[in-house]
């Protein structure tokens, strides 16, 4: 059985706890606050990406660059 999905704040808090436990002794409180804000931004971006549903037939958009011959 799959557990229910975490809220964005709970997901960010779990990730921040992981970073704090591994690297917190080398970071100042101000740096930890910056890390927390960065993690919150990453969580929001990841949630936005996961919200876009793709079909198996979807491909990356290829850039169109017209060819211009030298005159």
N, C-alpha and C. Protein backbone atom coordinates (compact mmCIF):
# COMPACT_ATOMS: atom_id res chain seq x y z
N UNK A 1 0.85 -1.18 0.00
CA UNK A 1 0.00 0.00 0.00
C UNK A 1 0.90 1.24 0.00
N UNK A 2 0.57 2.19 -0.84
CA UNK A 2 1.34 3.42 -0.97
C UNK A 2 0.91 4.42 0.10
N UNK A 3 1.88 5.03 0.79
CA UNK A 3 1.50 6.04 1.79
C UNK A 3 0.96 7.29 1.09
N UNK A 4 0.16 8.08 1.78
CA UNK A 4 -0.38 9.29 1.17
C UNK A 4 0.76 10.27 0.87
N UNK A 5 0.61 11.07 -0.18
CA UNK A 5 1.67 12.02 -0.53
C UNK A 5 1.85 13.08 0.56
N UNK A 6 3.07 13.55 0.70
CA UNK A 6 3.38 14.59 1.68
C UNK A 6 2.93 15.95 1.16
N UNK A 7 2.64 16.84 2.09
CA UNK A 7 2.40 18.22 1.69
C UNK A 7 3.75 18.83 1.31
N UNK A 8 3.71 19.95 0.62
CA UNK A 8 4.96 20.60 0.20
C UNK A 8 5.81 20.98 1.40
N UNK A 9 5.19 21.49 2.44
CA UNK A 9 5.96 21.90 3.62
C UNK A 9 6.56 20.69 4.34
N UNK A 10 5.82 19.57 4.40
CA UNK A 10 6.35 18.37 5.04
C UNK A 10 7.49 17.78 4.23
N UNK A 11 7.37 17.81 2.91
CA UNK A 11 8.44 17.30 2.05
C UNK A 11 9.70 18.15 2.21
N UNK A 12 9.53 19.47 2.22
CA UNK A 12 10.66 20.37 2.39
C UNK A 12 11.30 20.18 3.76
N UNK A 13 10.50 19.98 4.77
CA UNK A 13 11.03 19.80 6.12
C UNK A 13 11.83 18.51 6.24
N UNK A 14 11.37 17.45 5.61
CA UNK A 14 12.12 16.19 5.63
C UNK A 14 13.46 16.33 4.92
N UNK A 15 13.44 16.98 3.77
CA UNK A 15 14.69 17.18 3.04
C UNK A 15 15.64 18.08 3.81
N UNK A 16 15.11 19.13 4.44
CA UNK A 16 15.96 20.02 5.22
C UNK A 16 16.55 19.29 6.42
N UNK A 17 15.76 18.44 7.07
CA UNK A 17 16.27 17.68 8.20
C UNK A 17 17.43 16.78 7.77
N UNK A 18 17.34 16.22 6.60
CA UNK A 18 18.41 15.37 6.08
C UNK A 18 19.69 16.19 5.89
N UNK A 19 19.58 17.36 5.28
CA UNK A 19 20.74 18.23 5.08
C UNK A 19 21.29 18.70 6.41
N UNK A 20 20.42 19.11 7.31
CA UNK A 20 20.86 19.60 8.62
C UNK A 20 21.59 18.52 9.40
N UNK A 21 21.08 17.29 9.35
CA UNK A 21 21.72 16.19 10.07
C UNK A 21 23.10 15.88 9.50
N UNK A 22 23.24 15.97 8.20
CA UNK A 22 24.52 15.62 7.56
C UNK A 22 25.53 16.76 7.59
N UNK A 23 25.06 18.01 7.46
CA UNK A 23 25.99 19.13 7.28
C UNK A 23 25.75 20.28 8.25
N UNK A 24 24.81 20.17 9.14
CA UNK A 24 24.44 21.28 10.02
C UNK A 24 25.56 21.76 10.92
N UNK A 25 26.47 20.87 11.30
CA UNK A 25 27.55 21.28 12.19
C UNK A 25 28.57 22.18 11.51
N UNK A 26 28.53 22.25 10.18
CA UNK A 26 29.47 23.09 9.43
C UNK A 26 28.82 24.36 8.87
N UNK A 27 27.56 24.57 9.18
CA UNK A 27 26.83 25.72 8.66
C UNK A 27 26.37 26.63 9.79
N UNK A 28 26.39 27.93 9.51
CA UNK A 28 25.89 28.90 10.48
C UNK A 28 24.36 28.90 10.42
N UNK A 29 23.70 29.46 11.43
CA UNK A 29 22.23 29.56 11.37
C UNK A 29 21.74 30.32 10.14
N UNK A 30 22.47 31.35 9.71
CA UNK A 30 22.07 32.10 8.53
C UNK A 30 22.18 31.22 7.27
N UNK A 31 23.25 30.43 7.21
CA UNK A 31 23.41 29.54 6.07
C UNK A 31 22.32 28.46 6.07
N UNK A 32 21.99 27.95 7.24
CA UNK A 32 20.92 26.95 7.33
C UNK A 32 19.59 27.53 6.88
N UNK A 33 19.35 28.80 7.22
CA UNK A 33 18.11 29.45 6.77
C UNK A 33 18.10 29.57 5.25
N UNK A 34 19.24 29.90 4.66
CA UNK A 34 19.33 29.97 3.20
C UNK A 34 19.11 28.61 2.55
N UNK A 35 19.65 27.56 3.19
CA UNK A 35 19.45 26.21 2.68
C UNK A 35 17.98 25.83 2.74
N UNK A 36 17.32 26.18 3.85
CA UNK A 36 15.89 25.88 3.99
C UNK A 36 15.09 26.55 2.88
N UNK A 37 15.37 27.82 2.60
CA UNK A 37 14.65 28.54 1.55
C UNK A 37 14.93 27.93 0.18
N UNK A 38 16.18 27.53 -0.05
CA UNK A 38 16.52 26.89 -1.31
C UNK A 38 15.78 25.57 -1.50
N UNK A 39 15.70 24.79 -0.44
CA UNK A 39 15.00 23.51 -0.50
C UNK A 39 13.52 23.73 -0.77
N UNK A 40 12.93 24.73 -0.14
CA UNK A 40 11.51 25.02 -0.38
C UNK A 40 11.28 25.37 -1.85
N UNK A 41 12.20 26.12 -2.44
CA UNK A 41 12.08 26.46 -3.86
C UNK A 41 12.19 25.23 -4.75
N UNK A 42 13.13 24.34 -4.41
CA UNK A 42 13.31 23.12 -5.20
C UNK A 42 12.07 22.23 -5.09
N UNK A 43 11.50 22.14 -3.90
CA UNK A 43 10.29 21.33 -3.72
C UNK A 43 9.14 21.89 -4.54
N UNK A 44 8.97 23.20 -4.55
CA UNK A 44 7.90 23.81 -5.34
C UNK A 44 8.11 23.55 -6.83
N UNK A 45 9.35 23.70 -7.30
CA UNK A 45 9.64 23.46 -8.72
C UNK A 45 9.40 21.99 -9.08
N UNK A 46 9.82 21.09 -8.21
CA UNK A 46 9.62 19.66 -8.48
C UNK A 46 8.15 19.31 -8.52
N UNK A 47 7.36 19.91 -7.65
CA UNK A 47 5.91 19.66 -7.66
C UNK A 47 5.28 20.18 -8.96
N UNK A 48 5.75 21.33 -9.43
CA UNK A 48 5.22 21.86 -10.70
C UNK A 48 5.57 20.94 -11.86
N UNK A 49 6.78 20.41 -11.87
CA UNK A 49 7.17 19.49 -12.93
C UNK A 49 6.40 18.18 -12.86
N UNK A 50 6.19 17.66 -11.66
CA UNK A 50 5.44 16.42 -11.51
C UNK A 50 3.98 16.58 -11.89
N UNK A 51 3.46 17.81 -11.87
CA UNK A 51 2.06 18.05 -12.19
C UNK A 51 1.80 17.95 -13.69
N UNK A 52 2.83 18.06 -14.50
CA UNK A 52 2.68 17.98 -15.95
C UNK A 52 2.71 16.51 -16.36
N UNK A 53 1.63 16.06 -16.92
CA UNK A 53 1.53 14.66 -17.34
C UNK A 53 1.99 14.53 -18.79
N UNK A 54 2.85 13.57 -19.02
CA UNK A 54 3.37 13.32 -20.36
C UNK A 54 2.92 11.95 -20.83
N UNK A 55 2.63 11.86 -22.12
CA UNK A 55 2.36 10.56 -22.73
C UNK A 55 3.67 9.95 -23.17
N UNK A 56 3.65 8.67 -23.42
CA UNK A 56 4.84 7.99 -23.88
C UNK A 56 5.32 8.54 -25.22
N UNK A 57 4.41 9.09 -26.00
CA UNK A 57 4.77 9.61 -27.32
C UNK A 57 5.29 11.05 -27.28
N UNK A 58 5.26 11.71 -26.13
CA UNK A 58 5.75 13.08 -26.02
C UNK A 58 7.27 13.10 -26.12
N UNK A 59 7.76 14.05 -26.90
CA UNK A 59 9.20 14.19 -27.09
C UNK A 59 9.61 15.61 -26.72
N UNK A 60 10.90 15.80 -26.47
CA UNK A 60 11.38 17.17 -26.21
C UNK A 60 11.16 18.04 -27.43
N UNK A 61 10.90 19.31 -27.21
CA UNK A 61 10.72 20.23 -28.32
C UNK A 61 12.05 20.50 -28.99
N UNK A 62 12.09 20.32 -30.27
CA UNK A 62 13.32 20.56 -31.03
C UNK A 62 13.36 22.02 -31.46
N UNK A 63 14.46 22.71 -31.21
CA UNK A 63 14.53 24.12 -31.64
C UNK A 63 14.60 24.21 -33.17
N UNK A 64 13.87 25.17 -33.71
CA UNK A 64 13.86 25.38 -35.16
C UNK A 64 14.81 26.52 -35.46
N UNK A 65 15.84 26.25 -36.22
CA UNK A 65 16.79 27.27 -36.63
C UNK A 65 16.85 27.27 -38.14
N UNK A 66 16.27 28.28 -38.79
CA UNK A 66 16.26 28.29 -40.25
C UNK A 66 17.68 28.47 -40.79
N UNK A 67 17.93 27.80 -41.91
CA UNK A 67 19.25 27.89 -42.55
C UNK A 67 19.25 29.06 -43.50
N UNK A 68 20.27 29.87 -43.41
CA UNK A 68 20.42 30.99 -44.36
C UNK A 68 21.74 30.80 -45.09
N UNK A 69 21.62 30.67 -46.38
CA UNK A 69 22.83 30.53 -47.20
C UNK A 69 23.50 31.89 -47.32
N UNK A 70 24.81 31.89 -47.38
CA UNK A 70 25.53 33.13 -47.58
C UNK A 70 25.23 33.65 -48.98
N UNK A 71 24.96 34.97 -49.12
CA UNK A 71 24.63 35.54 -50.45
C UNK A 71 25.80 35.54 -51.40
